[in-house]
């Protein structure tokens, strides 16, 4: 489901400019879905690294399940 968030971000990033240029909404949405699916593994790994770094700076063990 992470790819849906990336697709939404990609869509919002280009929709205004694309509509200003006269690009139809459906191709913009399809392109956003493709970009979101491609970007998802990379952004998910970056999110995991960021959460782990935050957990270690706060003194929490990122592998623990107690929150």
N, C-alpha and C. Protein backbone atom coordinates (compact mmCIF):
# COMPACT_ATOMS: atom_id res chain seq x y z
N UNK A 1 0.80 -1.20 0.00
CA UNK A 1 0.00 0.00 0.00
C UNK A 1 0.85 1.27 0.00
N UNK A 2 2.13 1.12 0.24
CA UNK A 2 3.02 2.28 0.26
C UNK A 2 3.05 2.96 -1.11
N UNK A 3 2.85 2.19 -2.16
CA UNK A 3 2.91 2.76 -3.50
C UNK A 3 1.74 3.71 -3.76
N UNK A 4 0.64 3.53 -3.05
CA UNK A 4 -0.48 4.45 -3.23
C UNK A 4 -0.15 5.85 -2.72
N UNK A 5 0.57 5.90 -1.61
CA UNK A 5 0.99 7.20 -1.08
C UNK A 5 1.94 7.87 -2.06
N UNK A 6 2.89 7.09 -2.58
CA UNK A 6 3.83 7.65 -3.56
C UNK A 6 3.10 8.09 -4.83
N UNK A 7 2.11 7.34 -5.24
CA UNK A 7 1.33 7.72 -6.41
C UNK A 7 0.56 9.02 -6.17
N UNK A 8 0.00 9.16 -4.98
CA UNK A 8 -0.72 10.39 -4.64
C UNK A 8 0.22 11.60 -4.64
N UNK A 9 1.41 11.42 -4.10
CA UNK A 9 2.39 12.51 -4.08
C UNK A 9 2.79 12.87 -5.51
N UNK A 10 3.05 11.88 -6.34
CA UNK A 10 3.41 12.14 -7.74
C UNK A 10 2.27 12.85 -8.47
N UNK A 11 1.04 12.42 -8.22
CA UNK A 11 -0.10 13.04 -8.86
C UNK A 11 -0.23 14.51 -8.46
N UNK A 12 -0.13 14.77 -7.17
CA UNK A 12 -0.26 16.14 -6.69
C UNK A 12 0.89 17.02 -7.17
N UNK A 13 2.05 16.42 -7.37
CA UNK A 13 3.20 17.20 -7.80
C UNK A 13 3.07 17.68 -9.24
N UNK A 14 2.35 16.95 -10.08
CA UNK A 14 2.31 17.32 -11.49
C UNK A 14 0.93 17.72 -12.00
N UNK A 15 -0.12 17.54 -11.23
CA UNK A 15 -1.47 17.72 -11.77
C UNK A 15 -1.73 19.17 -12.20
N UNK A 16 -1.34 20.14 -11.43
CA UNK A 16 -1.64 21.53 -11.81
C UNK A 16 -0.91 21.95 -13.07
N UNK A 17 0.37 21.61 -13.14
CA UNK A 17 1.14 21.97 -14.34
C UNK A 17 0.61 21.22 -15.56
N UNK A 18 0.32 19.94 -15.40
CA UNK A 18 -0.17 19.14 -16.52
C UNK A 18 -1.51 19.66 -17.02
N UNK A 19 -2.39 20.00 -16.11
CA UNK A 19 -3.69 20.54 -16.53
C UNK A 19 -3.54 21.91 -17.17
N UNK A 20 -2.59 22.71 -16.69
CA UNK A 20 -2.32 24.00 -17.30
C UNK A 20 -1.86 23.83 -18.75
N UNK A 21 -1.07 22.78 -19.00
CA UNK A 21 -0.58 22.51 -20.35
C UNK A 21 -1.63 21.80 -21.21
N UNK A 22 -2.76 21.43 -20.63
CA UNK A 22 -3.82 20.80 -21.40
C UNK A 22 -3.74 19.28 -21.45
N UNK A 23 -2.95 18.68 -20.59
CA UNK A 23 -2.86 17.22 -20.56
C UNK A 23 -4.12 16.69 -19.87
N UNK A 24 -4.78 15.69 -20.45
CA UNK A 24 -5.98 15.14 -19.82
C UNK A 24 -5.67 14.51 -18.45
N UNK A 25 -6.65 14.47 -17.60
CA UNK A 25 -6.49 14.00 -16.23
C UNK A 25 -6.17 12.50 -16.15
N UNK A 26 -6.77 11.70 -17.01
CA UNK A 26 -6.56 10.25 -16.95
C UNK A 26 -5.10 9.87 -17.21
N UNK A 27 -4.45 10.38 -18.24
CA UNK A 27 -3.03 10.03 -18.42
C UNK A 27 -2.14 10.51 -17.26
N UNK A 28 -2.49 11.64 -16.67
CA UNK A 28 -1.73 12.12 -15.51
C UNK A 28 -1.89 11.14 -14.35
N UNK A 29 -3.11 10.67 -14.13
CA UNK A 29 -3.36 9.71 -13.05
C UNK A 29 -2.65 8.38 -13.31
N UNK A 30 -2.67 7.91 -14.54
CA UNK A 30 -1.99 6.66 -14.88
C UNK A 30 -0.49 6.81 -14.70
N UNK A 31 0.07 7.92 -15.14
CA UNK A 31 1.50 8.16 -14.96
C UNK A 31 1.85 8.23 -13.48
N UNK A 32 1.00 8.84 -12.67
CA UNK A 32 1.25 8.91 -11.23
C UNK A 32 1.25 7.52 -10.60
N UNK A 33 0.35 6.65 -11.04
CA UNK A 33 0.33 5.28 -10.52
C UNK A 33 1.60 4.53 -10.88
N UNK A 34 2.07 4.71 -12.10
CA UNK A 34 3.31 4.04 -12.53
C UNK A 34 4.49 4.57 -11.73
N UNK A 35 4.60 5.89 -11.60
CA UNK A 35 5.70 6.48 -10.85
C UNK A 35 5.64 6.04 -9.38
N UNK A 36 4.45 6.00 -8.81
CA UNK A 36 4.29 5.56 -7.43
C UNK A 36 4.71 4.12 -7.23
N UNK A 37 4.37 3.26 -8.18
CA UNK A 37 4.76 1.85 -8.08
C UNK A 37 6.27 1.68 -8.21
N UNK A 38 6.90 2.49 -9.05
CA UNK A 38 8.36 2.41 -9.22
C UNK A 38 9.08 2.99 -8.01
N UNK A 39 8.57 4.08 -7.46
CA UNK A 39 9.26 4.76 -6.36
C UNK A 39 9.03 4.10 -5.00
N UNK A 40 8.00 3.30 -4.87
CA UNK A 40 7.64 2.75 -3.56
C UNK A 40 8.76 1.98 -2.86
N UNK A 41 9.48 1.08 -3.52
CA UNK A 41 10.54 0.36 -2.79
C UNK A 41 11.62 1.31 -2.26
N UNK A 42 11.95 2.32 -3.02
CA UNK A 42 13.00 3.26 -2.60
C UNK A 42 12.53 4.12 -1.43
N UNK A 43 11.31 4.64 -1.51
CA UNK A 43 10.83 5.49 -0.44
C UNK A 43 10.53 4.68 0.82
N UNK A 44 10.11 3.44 0.65
CA UNK A 44 9.86 2.58 1.81
C UNK A 44 11.17 2.31 2.57
N UNK A 45 12.24 2.01 1.83
CA UNK A 45 13.54 1.79 2.47
C UNK A 45 14.02 3.06 3.17
N UNK A 46 13.82 4.20 2.55
CA UNK A 46 14.22 5.47 3.17
C UNK A 46 13.41 5.72 4.44
N UNK A 47 12.13 5.38 4.42
CA UNK A 47 11.30 5.54 5.61
C UNK A 47 11.78 4.63 6.74
N UNK A 48 12.12 3.39 6.41
CA UNK A 48 12.62 2.44 7.42
C UNK A 48 13.92 2.96 8.03
N UNK A 49 14.82 3.46 7.19
CA UNK A 49 16.09 4.00 7.70
C UNK A 49 15.84 5.21 8.60
N UNK A 50 14.94 6.08 8.20
CA UNK A 50 14.64 7.26 9.00
C UNK A 50 14.01 6.91 10.34
N UNK A 51 13.09 5.96 10.34
CA UNK A 51 12.47 5.55 11.59
C UNK A 51 13.48 4.87 12.51
N UNK A 52 14.38 4.08 11.94
CA UNK A 52 15.40 3.43 12.75
C UNK A 52 16.36 4.46 13.34
N UNK A 53 16.73 5.45 12.56
CA UNK A 53 17.63 6.50 13.05
C UNK A 53 16.95 7.30 14.16
N UNK A 54 15.69 7.59 14.00
CA UNK A 54 14.97 8.33 15.03
C UNK A 54 14.85 7.51 16.31
N UNK A 55 14.60 6.22 16.15
CA UNK A 55 14.47 5.35 17.32
C UNK A 55 15.79 5.24 18.08
N UNK A 56 16.90 5.19 17.36
CA UNK A 56 18.19 5.07 18.05
C UNK A 56 18.58 6.38 18.71
N UNK A 57 18.23 7.51 18.13
CA UNK A 57 18.56 8.79 18.77
C UNK A 57 17.68 9.05 19.98
N UNK A 58 16.50 8.46 20.01
CA UNK A 58 15.62 8.62 21.16
C UNK A 58 15.91 7.58 22.23
N UNK A 59 16.81 6.65 21.95
CA UNK A 59 17.17 5.64 22.92
C UNK A 59 16.31 4.40 22.90
N UNK A 60 15.50 4.23 21.88
CA UNK A 60 14.66 3.05 21.77
C UNK A 60 15.32 2.04 20.86
N UNK A 61 15.05 0.79 21.11
CA UNK A 61 15.56 -0.27 20.25
C UNK A 61 14.57 -0.46 19.11
N UNK A 62 14.97 -0.25 17.85
CA UNK A 62 14.01 -0.35 16.74
C UNK A 62 13.48 -1.77 16.55
N UNK A 63 14.14 -2.77 17.11
CA UNK A 63 13.68 -4.14 16.95
C UNK A 63 12.69 -4.53 18.04
N UNK A 64 12.54 -3.73 19.07
CA UNK A 64 11.63 -4.09 20.16
C UNK A 64 10.18 -3.89 19.72
N UNK A 65 9.30 -4.66 20.32
CA UNK A 65 7.88 -4.59 19.96
C UNK A 65 7.05 -3.87 21.00
N UNK A 66 7.69 -3.32 22.03
CA UNK A 66 6.92 -2.67 23.10
C UNK A 66 6.64 -1.19 22.81
N UNK A 67 6.99 -0.71 21.61
CA UNK A 67 6.66 0.64 21.21
C UNK A 67 7.69 1.59 21.58
